[in-house]
Structure formats: structure tokens, C-alpha cells
Amino acid sequence: MTSKELLYVEDALGHETFMRSCCTKTSNQLQDATLSSYMKELEKKHTELFDKFLNLL
């Protein structure tokens, strides 16, 4: 893996970490159960994407 590709993967990992934390924070603050559930699904999706990027290393 080139250094440029490594930088891209590191950036993507940071992005997915940020998105996961935003989804967690938002789902905890929402009072609407449907929206909170949807945010938890998004949190799982970003966790899966994080794991996929991590497996590239």
C-alpha cells in the first residue's frame, strides 16, 4: 500500500469514527423512538464501514 493510499484509509477511519460518535450522540438525545432507532442503524452501518476500512490495513 502506498503512503497516499494509507493516508486515504486513515482519513476514512477518522471519518467513520466521527460519524459513529455523531449517530450515538444524536440517538441518545432524540425523544422520537423511530428516529432514535434509525440513528442506531446508522451507527451500526458506520461501525461496519470502519471495520471494512480497518481490514484494508
PDB file of N, CA and C in Angstrom:
ATOM      1  N   MET A   1       0.845  -1.173   0.000  1.00  0.00           N
ATOM      2  CA  MET A   1       0.000   0.000   0.000  1.00  0.00           C
ATOM      3  C   MET A   1       0.893   1.238   0.000  1.00  0.00           C
ATOM      4  N   THR A   2       0.587   2.143  -0.884  1.00  0.00           N
ATOM      5  CA  THR A   2       1.385   3.360  -0.967  1.00  0.00           C
ATOM      6  C   THR A   2       1.057   4.288   0.204  1.00  0.00           C
ATOM      7  N   SER A   3       1.911   5.268   0.406  1.00  0.00           N
ATOM      8  CA  SER A   3       1.677   6.210   1.508  1.00  0.00           C
ATOM      9  C   SER A   3       0.407   7.034   1.256  1.00  0.00           C
ATOM     10  N   LYS A   4       0.124   7.325  -0.001  1.00  0.00           N
ATOM     11  CA  LYS A   4      -1.082   8.077  -0.328  1.00  0.00           C
ATOM     12  C   LYS A   4      -2.335   7.256  -0.015  1.00  0.00           C
ATOM     13  N   GLU A   5      -2.297   5.972  -0.333  1.00  0.00           N
ATOM     14  CA  GLU A   5      -3.420   5.100  -0.025  1.00  0.00           C
ATOM     15  C   GLU A   5      -3.598   4.949   1.489  1.00  0.00           C
ATOM     16  N   LEU A   6      -2.496   4.862   2.198  1.00  0.00           N
ATOM     17  CA  LEU A   6      -2.556   4.758   3.647  1.00  0.00           C
ATOM     18  C   LEU A   6      -3.185   6.003   4.256  1.00  0.00           C
ATOM     19  N   LEU A   7      -2.827   7.156   3.743  1.00  0.00           N
ATOM     20  CA  LEU A   7      -3.426   8.402   4.225  1.00  0.00           C
ATOM     21  C   LEU A   7      -4.935   8.417   3.967  1.00  0.00           C
ATOM     22  N   TYR A   8      -5.348   7.909   2.807  1.00  0.00           N
ATOM     23  CA  TYR A   8      -6.770   7.852   2.491  1.00  0.00           C
ATOM     24  C   TYR A   8      -7.499   6.948   3.492  1.00  0.00           C
ATOM     25  N   VAL A   9      -6.943   5.783   3.781  1.00  0.00           N
ATOM     26  CA  VAL A   9      -7.577   4.851   4.708  1.00  0.00           C
ATOM     27  C   VAL A   9      -7.632   5.455   6.109  1.00  0.00           C
ATOM     28  N   GLU A  10      -6.561   6.098   6.535  1.00  0.00           N
ATOM     29  CA  GLU A  10      -6.553   6.742   7.847  1.00  0.00           C
ATOM     30  C   GLU A  10      -7.614   7.841   7.926  1.00  0.00           C
ATOM     31  N   ASP A  11      -7.763   8.600   6.857  1.00  0.00           N
ATOM     32  CA  ASP A  11      -8.773   9.652   6.800  1.00  0.00           C
ATOM     33  C   ASP A  11     -10.177   9.043   6.861  1.00  0.00           C
ATOM     34  N   ALA A  12     -10.383   7.959   6.129  1.00  0.00           N
ATOM     35  CA  ALA A  12     -11.684   7.294   6.128  1.00  0.00           C
ATOM     36  C   ALA A  12     -12.009   6.732   7.512  1.00  0.00           C
ATOM     37  N   LEU A  13     -11.010   6.184   8.190  1.00  0.00           N
ATOM     38  CA  LEU A  13     -11.226   5.673   9.553  1.00  0.00           C
ATOM     39  C   LEU A  13     -11.640   6.805  10.493  1.00  0.00           C
ATOM     40  N   GLY A  14     -10.981   7.937  10.366  1.00  0.00           N
ATOM     41  CA  GLY A  14     -11.343   9.091  11.185  1.00  0.00           C
ATOM     42  C   GLY A  14     -12.753   9.575  10.906  1.00  0.00           C
ATOM     43  N   HIS A  15     -13.119   9.573   9.638  1.00  0.00           N
ATOM     44  CA  HIS A  15     -14.462   9.995   9.245  1.00  0.00           C
ATOM     45  C   HIS A  15     -15.514   9.052   9.827  1.00  0.00           C
ATOM     46  N   GLU A  16     -15.288   7.766   9.714  1.00  0.00           N
ATOM     47  CA  GLU A  16     -16.253   6.791  10.230  1.00  0.00           C
ATOM     48  C   GLU A  16     -16.360   6.860  11.753  1.00  0.00           C
ATOM     49  N   THR A  17     -15.252   7.105  12.421  1.00  0.00           N
ATOM     50  CA  THR A  17     -15.281   7.270  13.879  1.00  0.00           C
ATOM     51  C   THR A  17     -16.126   8.477  14.259  1.00  0.00           C
ATOM     52  N   PHE A  18     -15.930   9.580  13.535  1.00  0.00           N
ATOM     53  CA  PHE A  18     -16.686  10.796  13.790  1.00  0.00           C
ATOM     54  C   PHE A  18     -18.180  10.576  13.541  1.00  0.00           C
ATOM     55  N   MET A  19     -18.506   9.941  12.416  1.00  0.00           N
ATOM     56  CA  MET A  19     -19.908   9.700  12.080  1.00  0.00           C
ATOM     57  C   MET A  19     -20.579   8.776  13.101  1.00  0.00           C
ATOM     58  N   ARG A  20     -19.841   7.763  13.545  1.00  0.00           N
ATOM     59  CA  ARG A  20     -20.389   6.835  14.539  1.00  0.00           C
ATOM     60  C   ARG A  20     -20.680   7.574  15.843  1.00  0.00           C
ATOM     61  N   SER A  21     -19.766   8.432  16.271  1.00  0.00           N
ATOM     62  CA  SER A  21     -19.990   9.161  17.520  1.00  0.00           C
ATOM     63  C   SER A  21     -21.152  10.151  17.380  1.00  0.00           C
ATOM     64  N   CYS A  22     -21.289  10.765  16.216  1.00  0.00           N
ATOM     65  CA  CYS A  22     -22.420  11.677  15.983  1.00  0.00           C
ATOM     66  C   CYS A  22     -23.747  10.924  16.037  1.00  0.00           C
ATOM     67  N   CYS A  23     -23.784   9.754  15.439  1.00  0.00           N
ATOM     68  CA  CYS A  23     -25.009   8.947  15.445  1.00  0.00           C
ATOM     69  C   CYS A  23     -25.360   8.510  16.861  1.00  0.00           C
ATOM     70  N   THR A  24     -24.361   8.118  17.633  1.00  0.00           N
ATOM     71  CA  THR A  24     -24.597   7.691  19.012  1.00  0.00           C
ATOM     72  C   THR A  24     -25.150   8.845  19.840  1.00  0.00           C
ATOM     73  N   LYS A  25     -24.495   9.992  19.734  1.00  0.00           N
ATOM     74  CA  LYS A  25     -24.919  11.169  20.486  1.00  0.00           C
ATOM     75  C   LYS A  25     -26.341  11.579  20.107  1.00  0.00           C
ATOM     76  N   THR A  26     -26.617  11.585  18.820  1.00  0.00           N
ATOM     77  CA  THR A  26     -27.935  12.001  18.348  1.00  0.00           C
ATOM     78  C   THR A  26     -29.014  11.017  18.778  1.00  0.00           C
ATOM     79  N   SER A  27     -28.742   9.716  18.652  1.00  0.00           N
ATOM     80  CA  SER A  27     -29.755   8.730  19.030  1.00  0.00           C
ATOM     81  C   SER A  27     -30.087   8.816  20.519  1.00  0.00           C
ATOM     82  N   ASN A  28     -29.103   9.168  21.330  1.00  0.00           N
ATOM     83  CA  ASN A  28     -29.348   9.308  22.767  1.00  0.00           C
ATOM     84  C   ASN A  28     -30.152  10.560  23.106  1.00  0.00           C
ATOM     85  N   GLN A  29     -30.086  11.561  22.255  1.00  0.00           N
ATOM     86  CA  GLN A  29     -30.785  12.814  22.516  1.00  0.00           C
ATOM     87  C   GLN A  29     -32.204  12.842  21.954  1.00  0.00           C
ATOM     88  N   LEU A  30     -32.478  11.990  20.977  1.00  0.00           N
ATOM     89  CA  LEU A  30     -33.791  12.011  20.345  1.00  0.00           C
ATOM     90  C   LEU A  30     -34.856  11.411  21.249  1.00  0.00           C
ATOM     91  N   GLN A  31     -36.022  12.021  21.239  1.00  0.00           N
ATOM     92  CA  GLN A  31     -37.136  11.506  22.014  1.00  0.00           C
ATOM     93  C   GLN A  31     -38.037  10.622  21.155  1.00  0.00           C
ATOM     94  N   ASP A  32     -38.028  10.830  19.855  1.00  0.00           N
ATOM     95  CA  ASP A  32     -38.819  10.016  18.937  1.00  0.00           C
ATOM     96  C   ASP A  32     -38.148   8.649  18.792  1.00  0.00           C
ATOM     97  N   ALA A  33     -38.862   7.596  19.167  1.00  0.00           N
ATOM     98  CA  ALA A  33     -38.296   6.248  19.159  1.00  0.00           C
ATOM     99  C   ALA A  33     -37.921   5.792  17.756  1.00  0.00           C
ATOM    100  N   THR A  34     -38.694   6.173  16.756  1.00  0.00           N
ATOM    101  CA  THR A  34     -38.415   5.769  15.375  1.00  0.00           C
ATOM    102  C   THR A  34     -37.126   6.404  14.871  1.00  0.00           C
ATOM    103  N   LEU A  35     -36.969   7.687  15.112  1.00  0.00           N
ATOM    104  CA  LEU A  35     -35.753   8.377  14.695  1.00  0.00           C
ATOM    105  C   LEU A  35     -34.534   7.873  15.463  1.00  0.00           C
ATOM    106  N   SER A  36     -34.709   7.618  16.735  1.00  0.00           N
ATOM    107  CA  SER A  36     -33.613   7.094  17.546  1.00  0.00           C
ATOM    108  C   SER A  36     -33.176   5.729  17.027  1.00  0.00           C
ATOM    109  N   SER A  37     -34.130   4.902  16.680  1.00  0.00           N
ATOM    110  CA  SER A  37     -33.825   3.576  16.130  1.00  0.00           C
ATOM    111  C   SER A  37     -33.077   3.700  14.806  1.00  0.00           C
ATOM    112  N   TYR A  38     -33.506   4.639  13.977  1.00  0.00           N
ATOM    113  CA  TYR A  38     -32.839   4.858  12.687  1.00  0.00           C
ATOM    114  C   TYR A  38     -31.391   5.306  12.897  1.00  0.00           C
ATOM    115  N   MET A  39     -31.168   6.172  13.856  1.00  0.00           N
ATOM    116  CA  MET A  39     -29.808   6.629  14.132  1.00  0.00           C
ATOM    117  C   MET A  39     -28.941   5.482  14.640  1.00  0.00           C
ATOM    118  N   LYS A  40     -29.518   4.565  15.399  1.00  0.00           N
ATOM    119  CA  LYS A  40     -28.771   3.401  15.858  1.00  0.00           C
ATOM    120  C   LYS A  40     -28.399   2.489  14.683  1.00  0.00           C
ATOM    121  N   GLU A  41     -29.301   2.399  13.691  1.00  0.00           N
ATOM    122  CA  GLU A  41     -28.976   1.645  12.479  1.00  0.00           C
ATOM    123  C   GLU A  41     -27.812   2.295  11.735  1.00  0.00           C
ATOM    124  N   LEU A  42     -27.831   3.612  11.651  1.00  0.00           N
ATOM    125  CA  LEU A  42     -26.730   4.331  11.009  1.00  0.00           C
ATOM    126  C   LEU A  42     -25.430   4.129  11.771  1.00  0.00           C
ATOM    127  N   GLU A  43     -25.517   4.098  13.087  1.00  0.00           N
ATOM    128  CA  GLU A  43     -24.334   3.850  13.910  1.00  0.00           C
ATOM    129  C   GLU A  43     -23.737   2.482  13.583  1.00  0.00           C
ATOM    130  N   LYS A  44     -24.588   1.478  13.444  1.00  0.00           N
ATOM    131  CA  LYS A  44     -24.119   0.135  13.089  1.00  0.00           C
ATOM    132  C   LYS A  44     -23.475   0.136  11.704  1.00  0.00           C
ATOM    133  N   LYS A  45     -24.088   0.860  10.771  1.00  0.00           N
ATOM    134  CA  LYS A  45     -23.557   0.934   9.408  1.00  0.00           C
ATOM    135  C   LYS A  45     -22.158   1.562   9.409  1.00  0.00           C
ATOM    136  N   HIS A  46     -21.985   2.624  10.168  1.00  0.00           N
ATOM    137  CA  HIS A  46     -20.670   3.275  10.223  1.00  0.00           C
ATOM    138  C   HIS A  46     -19.649   2.401  10.945  1.00  0.00           C
ATOM    139  N   THR A  47     -20.097   1.600  11.890  1.00  0.00           N
ATOM    140  CA  THR A  47     -19.200   0.651  12.547  1.00  0.00           C
ATOM    141  C   THR A  47     -18.736  -0.403  11.547  1.00  0.00           C
ATOM    142  N   GLU A  48     -19.664  -0.880  10.719  1.00  0.00           N
ATOM    143  CA  GLU A  48     -19.313  -1.862   9.690  1.00  0.00           C
ATOM    144  C   GLU A  48     -18.324  -1.271   8.681  1.00  0.00           C
ATOM    145  N   LEU A  49     -18.567  -0.038   8.270  1.00  0.00           N
ATOM    146  CA  LEU A  49     -17.653   0.615   7.326  1.00  0.00           C
ATOM    147  C   LEU A  49     -16.280   0.821   7.952  1.00  0.00           C
ATOM    148  N   PHE A  50     -16.242   1.186   9.220  1.00  0.00           N
ATOM    149  CA  PHE A  50     -14.974   1.339   9.933  1.00  0.00           C
ATOM    150  C   PHE A  50     -14.199   0.031   9.915  1.00  0.00           C
ATOM    151  N   ASP A  51     -14.906  -1.056  10.225  1.00  0.00           N
ATOM    152  CA  ASP A  51     -14.253  -2.380  10.245  1.00  0.00           C
ATOM    153  C   ASP A  51     -13.724  -2.767   8.865  1.00  0.00           C
ATOM    154  N   LYS A  52     -14.486  -2.429   7.814  1.00  0.00           N
ATOM    155  CA  LYS A  52     -14.016  -2.746   6.455  1.00  0.00           C
ATOM    156  C   LYS A  52     -12.755  -1.978   6.101  1.00  0.00           C
ATOM    157  N   PHE A  53     -12.727  -0.698   6.448  1.00  0.00           N
ATOM    158  CA  PHE A  53     -11.518   0.093   6.185  1.00  0.00           C
ATOM    159  C   PHE A  53     -10.351  -0.406   7.011  1.00  0.00           C
ATOM    160  N   LEU A  54     -10.613  -0.786   8.255  1.00  0.00           N
ATOM    161  CA  LEU A  54      -9.563  -1.284   9.124  1.00  0.00           C
ATOM    162  C   LEU A  54      -8.971  -2.586   8.584  1.00  0.00           C
ATOM    163  N   ASN A  55      -9.797  -3.401   7.974  1.00  0.00           N
ATOM    164  CA  ASN A  55      -9.326  -4.655   7.397  1.00  0.00           C
ATOM    165  C   ASN A  55      -8.422  -4.436   6.182  1.00  0.00           C
ATOM    166  N   LEU A  56      -8.453  -3.265   5.609  1.00  0.00           N
ATOM    167  CA  LEU A  56      -7.558  -2.964   4.489  1.00  0.00           C
ATOM    168  C   LEU A  56      -6.106  -2.871   4.959  1.00  0.00           C
ATOM    169  N   LEU A  57      -5.928  -2.574   6.225  1.00  0.00           N
ATOM    170  CA  LEU A  57      -4.578  -2.441   6.775  1.00  0.00           C
ATOM    171  C   LEU A  57      -4.110  -3.794   7.141  1.00  0.00           C
TER     172      LEU A  57
END
